[in-house]
PDB file of N, CA and C in Angstrom:
ATOM      1  N   MET A   1       0.806  -1.191   0.000  1.00  0.00           N
ATOM      2  CA  MET A   1       0.000   0.000   0.000  1.00  0.00           C
ATOM      3  C   MET A   1       0.854   1.262   0.000  1.00  0.00           C
ATOM      4  N   GLU A   2       1.918   1.235   0.772  1.00  0.00           N
ATOM      5  CA  GLU A   2       2.765   2.418   0.874  1.00  0.00           C
ATOM      6  C   GLU A   2       3.310   2.822  -0.492  1.00  0.00           C
ATOM      7  N   ALA A   3       3.726   1.843  -1.275  1.00  0.00           N
ATOM      8  CA  ALA A   3       4.287   2.140  -2.586  1.00  0.00           C
ATOM      9  C   ALA A   3       3.245   2.769  -3.499  1.00  0.00           C
ATOM     10  N   VAL A   4       2.027   2.272  -3.429  1.00  0.00           N
ATOM     11  CA  VAL A   4       0.973   2.810  -4.277  1.00  0.00           C
ATOM     12  C   VAL A   4       0.653   4.241  -3.881  1.00  0.00           C
ATOM     13  N   GLN A   5       0.681   4.526  -2.606  1.00  0.00           N
ATOM     14  CA  GLN A   5       0.352   5.863  -2.144  1.00  0.00           C
ATOM     15  C   GLN A   5       1.370   6.894  -2.595  1.00  0.00           C
ATOM     16  N   THR A   6       2.625   6.474  -2.819  1.00  0.00           N
ATOM     17  CA  THR A   6       3.649   7.430  -3.224  1.00  0.00           C
ATOM     18  C   THR A   6       3.437   7.928  -4.643  1.00  0.00           C
ATOM     19  N   VAL A   7       2.721   7.170  -5.479  1.00  0.00           N
ATOM     20  CA  VAL A   7       2.499   7.605  -6.854  1.00  0.00           C
ATOM     21  C   VAL A   7       1.048   7.980  -7.114  1.00  0.00           C
ATOM     22  N   ARG A   8       0.265   8.065  -6.078  1.00  0.00           N
ATOM     23  CA  ARG A   8      -1.158   8.370  -6.239  1.00  0.00           C
ATOM     24  C   ARG A   8      -1.326   9.722  -6.919  1.00  0.00           C
ATOM     25  N   LYS A   9      -2.150   9.747  -7.905  1.00  0.00           N
ATOM     26  CA  LYS A   9      -2.424  10.974  -8.644  1.00  0.00           C
ATOM     27  C   LYS A   9      -3.855  11.406  -8.372  1.00  0.00           C
ATOM     28  N   SER A  10      -4.153  12.620  -8.714  1.00  0.00           N
ATOM     29  CA  SER A  10      -5.490  13.132  -8.432  1.00  0.00           C
ATOM     30  C   SER A  10      -6.572  12.411  -9.239  1.00  0.00           C
ATOM     31  N   ASP A  11      -6.210  11.863 -10.386  1.00  0.00           N
ATOM     32  CA  ASP A  11      -7.219  11.170 -11.193  1.00  0.00           C
ATOM     33  C   ASP A  11      -7.297   9.680 -10.882  1.00  0.00           C
ATOM     34  N   GLU A  12      -6.502   9.211  -9.872  1.00  0.00           N
ATOM     35  CA  GLU A  12      -6.556   7.835  -9.402  1.00  0.00           C
ATOM     36  C   GLU A  12      -6.174   6.799 -10.465  1.00  0.00           C
ATOM     37  N   ARG A  13      -5.474   7.187 -11.512  1.00  0.00           N
ATOM     38  CA  ARG A  13      -5.008   6.217 -12.508  1.00  0.00           C
ATOM     39  C   ARG A  13      -3.502   6.078 -12.383  1.00  0.00           C
ATOM     40  N   TYR A  14      -3.017   4.891 -12.649  1.00  0.00           N
ATOM     41  CA  TYR A  14      -1.594   4.608 -12.568  1.00  0.00           C
ATOM     42  C   TYR A  14      -1.114   4.077 -13.911  1.00  0.00           C
ATOM     43  N   THR A  15       0.108   4.379 -14.246  1.00  0.00           N
ATOM     44  CA  THR A  15       0.662   3.902 -15.500  1.00  0.00           C
ATOM     45  C   THR A  15       1.794   2.931 -15.201  1.00  0.00           C
ATOM     46  N   LEU A  16       2.263   2.277 -16.233  1.00  0.00           N
ATOM     47  CA  LEU A  16       3.398   1.383 -16.098  1.00  0.00           C
ATOM     48  C   LEU A  16       4.623   2.166 -15.630  1.00  0.00           C
ATOM     49  N   ASP A  17       4.774   3.389 -16.105  1.00  0.00           N
ATOM     50  CA  ASP A  17       5.892   4.228 -15.660  1.00  0.00           C
ATOM     51  C   ASP A  17       5.831   4.483 -14.151  1.00  0.00           C
ATOM     52  N   ASP A  18       4.632   4.690 -13.617  1.00  0.00           N
ATOM     53  CA  ASP A  18       4.475   4.886 -12.179  1.00  0.00           C
ATOM     54  C   ASP A  18       4.957   3.647 -11.422  1.00  0.00           C
ATOM     55  N   ALA A  19       4.545   2.483 -11.875  1.00  0.00           N
ATOM     56  CA  ALA A  19       4.930   1.236 -11.216  1.00  0.00           C
ATOM     57  C   ALA A  19       6.434   1.026 -11.276  1.00  0.00           C
ATOM     58  N   VAL A  20       7.037   1.291 -12.418  1.00  0.00           N
ATOM     59  CA  VAL A  20       8.478   1.118 -12.576  1.00  0.00           C
ATOM     60  C   VAL A  20       9.223   2.107 -11.684  1.00  0.00           C
ATOM     61  N   ASN A  21       8.742   3.330 -11.597  1.00  0.00           N
ATOM     62  CA  ASN A  21       9.383   4.323 -10.733  1.00  0.00           C
ATOM     63  C   ASN A  21       9.347   3.891  -9.268  1.00  0.00           C
ATOM     64  N   VAL A  22       8.232   3.344  -8.821  1.00  0.00           N
ATOM     65  CA  VAL A  22       8.132   2.865  -7.444  1.00  0.00           C
ATOM     66  C   VAL A  22       9.073   1.688  -7.238  1.00  0.00           C
ATOM     67  N   LEU A  23       9.109   0.780  -8.197  1.00  0.00           N
ATOM     68  CA  LEU A  23       9.990  -0.379  -8.102  1.00  0.00           C
ATOM     69  C   LEU A  23      11.445   0.048  -7.973  1.00  0.00           C
ATOM     70  N   PHE A  24      11.893   0.949  -8.827  1.00  0.00           N
ATOM     71  CA  PHE A  24      13.273   1.407  -8.771  1.00  0.00           C
ATOM     72  C   PHE A  24      13.559   2.180  -7.486  1.00  0.00           C
ATOM     73  N   SER A  25      12.593   2.913  -6.986  1.00  0.00           N
ATOM     74  CA  SER A  25      12.764   3.637  -5.735  1.00  0.00           C
ATOM     75  C   SER A  25      12.978   2.667  -4.577  1.00  0.00           C
ATOM     76  N   LYS A  26      12.156   1.628  -4.512  1.00  0.00           N
ATOM     77  CA  LYS A  26      12.293   0.626  -3.454  1.00  0.00           C
ATOM     78  C   LYS A  26      13.598  -0.146  -3.595  1.00  0.00           C
ATOM     79  N   LEU A  27      13.993  -0.453  -4.816  1.00  0.00           N
ATOM     80  CA  LEU A  27      15.255  -1.148  -5.057  1.00  0.00           C
ATOM     81  C   LEU A  27      16.435  -0.287  -4.627  1.00  0.00           C
ATOM     82  N   ASP A  28      16.384   0.992  -4.934  1.00  0.00           N
ATOM     83  CA  ASP A  28      17.442   1.916  -4.533  1.00  0.00           C
ATOM     84  C   ASP A  28      17.554   1.986  -3.011  1.00  0.00           C
ATOM     85  N   SER A  29      16.425   2.027  -2.326  1.00  0.00           N
ATOM     86  CA  SER A  29      16.431   2.043  -0.867  1.00  0.00           C
ATOM     87  C   SER A  29      17.025   0.760  -0.301  1.00  0.00           C
ATOM     88  N   ALA A  30      16.682  -0.362  -0.904  1.00  0.00           N
ATOM     89  CA  ALA A  30      17.210  -1.650  -0.441  1.00  0.00           C
ATOM     90  C   ALA A  30      18.720  -1.727  -0.645  1.00  0.00           C
ATOM     91  N   ILE A  31      19.209  -1.230  -1.763  1.00  0.00           N
ATOM     92  CA  ILE A  31      20.658  -1.228  -2.022  1.00  0.00           C
ATOM     93  C   ILE A  31      21.361  -0.335  -1.010  1.00  0.00           C
ATOM     94  N   ASP A  32      20.785   0.829  -0.724  1.00  0.00           N
ATOM     95  CA  ASP A  32      21.364   1.716   0.291  1.00  0.00           C
ATOM     96  C   ASP A  32      21.441   1.018   1.650  1.00  0.00           C
ATOM     97  N   ASP A  33      20.365   0.301   2.012  1.00  0.00           N
ATOM     98  CA  ASP A  33      20.356  -0.423   3.286  1.00  0.00           C
ATOM     99  C   ASP A  33      21.466  -1.471   3.322  1.00  0.00           C
ATOM    100  N   MET A  34      21.633  -2.210   2.244  1.00  0.00           N
ATOM    101  CA  MET A  34      22.673  -3.231   2.195  1.00  0.00           C
ATOM    102  C   MET A  34      24.057  -2.607   2.309  1.00  0.00           C
ATOM    103  N   GLU A  35      24.275  -1.518   1.602  1.00  0.00           N
ATOM    104  CA  GLU A  35      25.581  -0.857   1.636  1.00  0.00           C
ATOM    105  C   GLU A  35      25.908  -0.304   3.015  1.00  0.00           C
ATOM    106  N   ASN A  36      24.892   0.060   3.771  1.00  0.00           N
ATOM    107  CA  ASN A  36      25.096   0.640   5.098  1.00  0.00           C
ATOM    108  C   ASN A  36      24.928  -0.380   6.216  1.00  0.00           C
ATOM    109  N   GLY A  37      24.817  -1.650   5.867  1.00  0.00           N
ATOM    110  CA  GLY A  37      24.736  -2.702   6.872  1.00  0.00           C
ATOM    111  C   GLY A  37      23.409  -2.825   7.582  1.00  0.00           C
ATOM    112  N   ARG A  38      22.368  -2.251   7.024  1.00  0.00           N
ATOM    113  CA  ARG A  38      21.034  -2.337   7.642  1.00  0.00           C
ATOM    114  C   ARG A  38      20.273  -3.505   7.022  1.00  0.00           C
ATOM    115  N   VAL A  39      20.663  -4.710   7.414  1.00  0.00           N
ATOM    116  CA  VAL A  39      20.019  -5.916   6.904  1.00  0.00           C
ATOM    117  C   VAL A  39      19.715  -6.841   8.069  1.00  0.00           C
ATOM    118  N   ILE A  40      18.829  -7.796   7.849  1.00  0.00           N
ATOM    119  CA  ILE A  40      18.536  -8.792   8.875  1.00  0.00           C
ATOM    120  C   ILE A  40      18.945 -10.155   8.344  1.00  0.00           C
ATOM    121  N   SER A  41      19.110 -11.095   9.248  1.00  0.00           N
ATOM    122  CA  SER A  41      19.498 -12.450   8.845  1.00  0.00           C
ATOM    123  C   SER A  41      18.324 -13.139   8.153  1.00  0.00           C
ATOM    124  N   ALA A  42      18.636 -14.207   7.442  1.00  0.00           N
ATOM    125  CA  ALA A  42      17.593 -14.967   6.752  1.00  0.00           C
ATOM    126  C   ALA A  42      16.605 -15.546   7.765  1.00  0.00           C
ATOM    127  N   GLU A  43      17.115 -16.005   8.910  1.00  0.00           N
ATOM    128  CA  GLU A  43      16.232 -16.553   9.943  1.00  0.00           C
ATOM    129  C   GLU A  43      15.248 -15.502  10.448  1.00  0.00           C
ATOM    130  N   ASP A  44      15.763 -14.317  10.721  1.00  0.00           N
ATOM    131  CA  ASP A  44      14.895 -13.242  11.201  1.00  0.00           C
ATOM    132  C   ASP A  44      13.873 -12.839  10.140  1.00  0.00           C
ATOM    133  N   MET A  45      14.288 -12.852   8.883  1.00  0.00           N
ATOM    134  CA  MET A  45      13.376 -12.508   7.800  1.00  0.00           C
ATOM    135  C   MET A  45      12.216 -13.497   7.758  1.00  0.00           C
ATOM    136  N   TRP A  46      12.511 -14.809   7.870  1.00  0.00           N
ATOM    137  CA  TRP A  46      11.450 -15.815   7.824  1.00  0.00           C
ATOM    138  C   TRP A  46      10.529 -15.687   9.028  1.00  0.00           C
ATOM    139  N   LYS A  47      11.078 -15.340  10.180  1.00  0.00           N
ATOM    140  CA  LYS A  47      10.247 -15.126  11.365  1.00  0.00           C
ATOM    141  C   LYS A  47       9.278 -13.969  11.147  1.00  0.00           C
ATOM    142  N   GLU A  48       9.791 -12.895  10.547  1.00  0.00           N
ATOM    143  CA  GLU A  48       8.932 -11.741  10.254  1.00  0.00           C
ATOM    144  C   GLU A  48       7.841 -12.116   9.270  1.00  0.00           C
ATOM    145  N   LEU A  49       8.192 -12.872   8.245  1.00  0.00           N
ATOM    146  CA  LEU A  49       7.201 -13.281   7.247  1.00  0.00           C
ATOM    147  C   LEU A  49       6.141 -14.207   7.843  1.00  0.00           C
ATOM    148  N   GLU A  50       6.554 -15.081   8.756  1.00  0.00           N
ATOM    149  CA  GLU A  50       5.596 -15.983   9.381  1.00  0.00           C
ATOM    150  C   GLU A  50       4.587 -15.228  10.236  1.00  0.00           C
ATOM    151  N   ARG A  51       5.029 -14.110  10.847  1.00  0.00           N
ATOM    152  CA  ARG A  51       4.117 -13.316  11.674  1.00  0.00           C
ATOM    153  C   ARG A  51       3.034 -12.665  10.817  1.00  0.00           C
ATOM    154  N   VAL A  52       3.350 -12.377   9.572  1.00  0.00           N
ATOM    155  CA  VAL A  52       2.384 -11.740   8.687  1.00  0.00           C
ATOM    156  C   VAL A  52       1.383 -12.777   8.258  1.00  0.00           C
TER     157      VAL A  52
END
């Protein structure tokens, strides 16, 4: 939901470009996190996913 809200337009329509921009934005954030050591272990990731 958060990703969709970042590209929300007043006419409530989304384009493929909007989706790609959100995807690249999230990917860029993930790369920054990895470069700065802000990652969790695989075990912790699975625990988080199981809670959802």
